[in-house]
Amino acid sequence: MSFLAEYEDLIQDINEDIEAGVITTNDYIKVVRKRKTKGNDYQPITDYYYASCQPMVKYSEMRVSEVLQELVLRNMLRK
C-alpha cells in the first residue's frame, strides 16, 4: 500500500475519532513513524495511539491538530 493511501486512511480514522468524541484536535496522541531510509530525512507516520495506550515501539507525542496538518500536507504533496 502506498503512503498516499495510508495517509488517506489515517486522516479518515482520526477524523472519525474526533467526530465520535474519542479525541479532540487539542488532545495529544502517540505517533509511530517509519524509520528513515537512505536519502530521505522524512519519517512517515505509520500509526497512532491514544494517550492511555502504551505502544511497544518508539513513538512521539503530538497534538492531534498537528498530526492532521502534517498528514494532509504530505498527502497533498504526493498527489
C-alpha atoms as a PDB file:
ATOM      1  CA  MET A   1       0.000   0.000   0.000  1.00  0.00           C
ATOM      2  CA  SER A   2       1.342   3.457  -0.841  1.00  0.00           C
ATOM      3  CA  PHE A   3       1.836   6.204   1.713  1.00  0.00           C
ATOM      4  CA  LEU A   4      -0.800   8.186  -0.153  1.00  0.00           C
ATOM      5  CA  ALA A   5      -3.429   5.538   0.573  1.00  0.00           C
ATOM      6  CA  GLU A   6      -2.124   5.034   4.124  1.00  0.00           C
ATOM      7  CA  TYR A   7      -2.300   8.760   4.847  1.00  0.00           C
ATOM      8  CA  GLU A   8      -5.830   8.988   3.465  1.00  0.00           C
ATOM      9  CA  ASP A   9      -6.811   6.136   5.789  1.00  0.00           C
ATOM     10  CA  LEU A  10      -5.093   7.749   8.793  1.00  0.00           C
ATOM     11  CA  ILE A  11      -6.762  11.109   8.079  1.00  0.00           C
ATOM     12  CA  GLN A  12     -10.146   9.402   7.862  1.00  0.00           C
ATOM     13  CA  ASP A  13      -9.544   7.402  11.062  1.00  0.00           C
ATOM     14  CA  ILE A  14      -8.513  10.469  13.053  1.00  0.00           C
ATOM     15  CA  ASN A  15     -11.467  12.500  11.755  1.00  0.00           C
ATOM     16  CA  GLU A  16     -13.837   9.667  12.705  1.00  0.00           C
ATOM     17  CA  ASP A  17     -12.331   9.571  16.208  1.00  0.00           C
ATOM     18  CA  ILE A  18     -12.858  13.327  16.511  1.00  0.00           C
ATOM     19  CA  GLU A  19     -16.467  13.089  15.295  1.00  0.00           C
ATOM     20  CA  ALA A  20     -17.138  10.241  17.750  1.00  0.00           C
ATOM     21  CA  GLY A  21     -15.766  12.340  20.602  1.00  0.00           C
ATOM     22  CA  VAL A  22     -12.933   9.929  21.353  1.00  0.00           C
ATOM     23  CA  ILE A  23     -10.317  12.664  20.863  1.00  0.00           C
ATOM     24  CA  THR A  24     -10.272  16.398  20.168  1.00  0.00           C
ATOM     25  CA  THR A  25      -7.908  18.408  17.992  1.00  0.00           C
ATOM     26  CA  ASN A  26      -6.247  19.734  21.166  1.00  0.00           C
ATOM     27  CA  ASP A  27      -5.515  16.281  22.604  1.00  0.00           C
ATOM     28  CA  TYR A  28      -2.125  14.605  22.343  1.00  0.00           C
ATOM     29  CA  ILE A  29      -1.733  11.202  20.717  1.00  0.00           C
ATOM     30  CA  LYS A  30       1.238   8.867  20.395  1.00  0.00           C
ATOM     31  CA  VAL A  31       2.575   8.808  16.836  1.00  0.00           C
ATOM     32  CA  VAL A  32       4.617   5.952  15.392  1.00  0.00           C
ATOM     33  CA  ARG A  33       6.871   6.709  12.429  1.00  0.00           C
ATOM     34  CA  LYS A  34       8.681   4.582   9.886  1.00  0.00           C
ATOM     35  CA  ARG A  35      12.464   4.548  10.103  1.00  0.00           C
ATOM     36  CA  LYS A  36      14.491   6.874   7.917  1.00  0.00           C
ATOM     37  CA  THR A  37      15.616   5.471   4.600  1.00  0.00           C
ATOM     38  CA  LYS A  38      18.776   6.424   2.734  1.00  0.00           C
ATOM     39  CA  GLY A  39      18.465   9.769   1.023  1.00  0.00           C
ATOM     40  CA  ASN A  40      15.201  10.595   2.753  1.00  0.00           C
ATOM     41  CA  ASP A  41      15.065  12.559   6.005  1.00  0.00           C
ATOM     42  CA  TYR A  42      11.285  12.382   6.359  1.00  0.00           C
ATOM     43  CA  GLN A  43       9.913   9.659   8.606  1.00  0.00           C
ATOM     44  CA  PRO A  44       6.318   8.939   7.545  1.00  0.00           C
ATOM     45  CA  ILE A  45       3.637   8.442  10.181  1.00  0.00           C
ATOM     46  CA  THR A  46       2.522   4.826  10.178  1.00  0.00           C
ATOM     47  CA  ASP A  47       0.110   4.677  13.114  1.00  0.00           C
ATOM     48  CA  TYR A  48      -1.183   6.476  16.180  1.00  0.00           C
ATOM     49  CA  TYR A  49      -2.348   5.562  19.661  1.00  0.00           C
ATOM     50  CA  TYR A  50      -4.422   7.341  22.265  1.00  0.00           C
ATOM     51  CA  ALA A  51      -2.673   8.843  25.266  1.00  0.00           C
ATOM     52  CA  SER A  52      -3.879   5.986  27.502  1.00  0.00           C
ATOM     53  CA  CYS A  53      -2.248   3.293  25.308  1.00  0.00           C
ATOM     54  CA  GLN A  54       1.394   2.276  25.562  1.00  0.00           C
ATOM     55  CA  PRO A  55       2.776   1.227  22.155  1.00  0.00           C
ATOM     56  CA  MET A  56       5.556  -1.355  22.187  1.00  0.00           C
ATOM     57  CA  VAL A  57       7.517   0.630  19.598  1.00  0.00           C
ATOM     58  CA  LYS A  58       9.253   4.005  19.615  1.00  0.00           C
ATOM     59  CA  TYR A  59       6.784   6.894  19.400  1.00  0.00           C
ATOM     60  CA  SER A  60       6.473  10.636  19.850  1.00  0.00           C
ATOM     61  CA  GLU A  61       3.594  12.596  21.323  1.00  0.00           C
ATOM     62  CA  MET A  62       1.930  15.171  19.092  1.00  0.00           C
ATOM     63  CA  ARG A  63      -1.188  17.302  19.230  1.00  0.00           C
ATOM     64  CA  VAL A  64      -3.962  15.864  17.039  1.00  0.00           C
ATOM     65  CA  SER A  65      -4.257  19.113  15.051  1.00  0.00           C
ATOM     66  CA  GLU A  66      -0.525  18.967  14.221  1.00  0.00           C
ATOM     67  CA  VAL A  67      -0.751  15.341  13.141  1.00  0.00           C
ATOM     68  CA  LEU A  68      -3.682  16.110  10.852  1.00  0.00           C
ATOM     69  CA  GLN A  69      -1.879  19.117   9.418  1.00  0.00           C
ATOM     70  CA  GLU A  70       1.201  17.021   8.599  1.00  0.00           C
ATOM     71  CA  LEU A  71      -0.851  14.183   7.112  1.00  0.00           C
ATOM     72  CA  VAL A  72      -2.927  16.499   4.920  1.00  0.00           C
ATOM     73  CA  LEU A  73       0.101  18.494   3.739  1.00  0.00           C
ATOM     74  CA  ARG A  74       2.164  15.394   2.885  1.00  0.00           C
ATOM     75  CA  ASN A  75      -0.870  13.818   1.235  1.00  0.00           C
ATOM     76  CA  MET A  76      -1.358  16.917  -0.953  1.00  0.00           C
ATOM     77  CA  LEU A  77       2.347  16.974  -1.909  1.00  0.00           C
ATOM     78  CA  ARG A  78       2.182  13.375  -3.137  1.00  0.00           C
ATOM     79  CA  LYS A  79      -0.737  13.951  -5.491  1.00  0.00           C
END
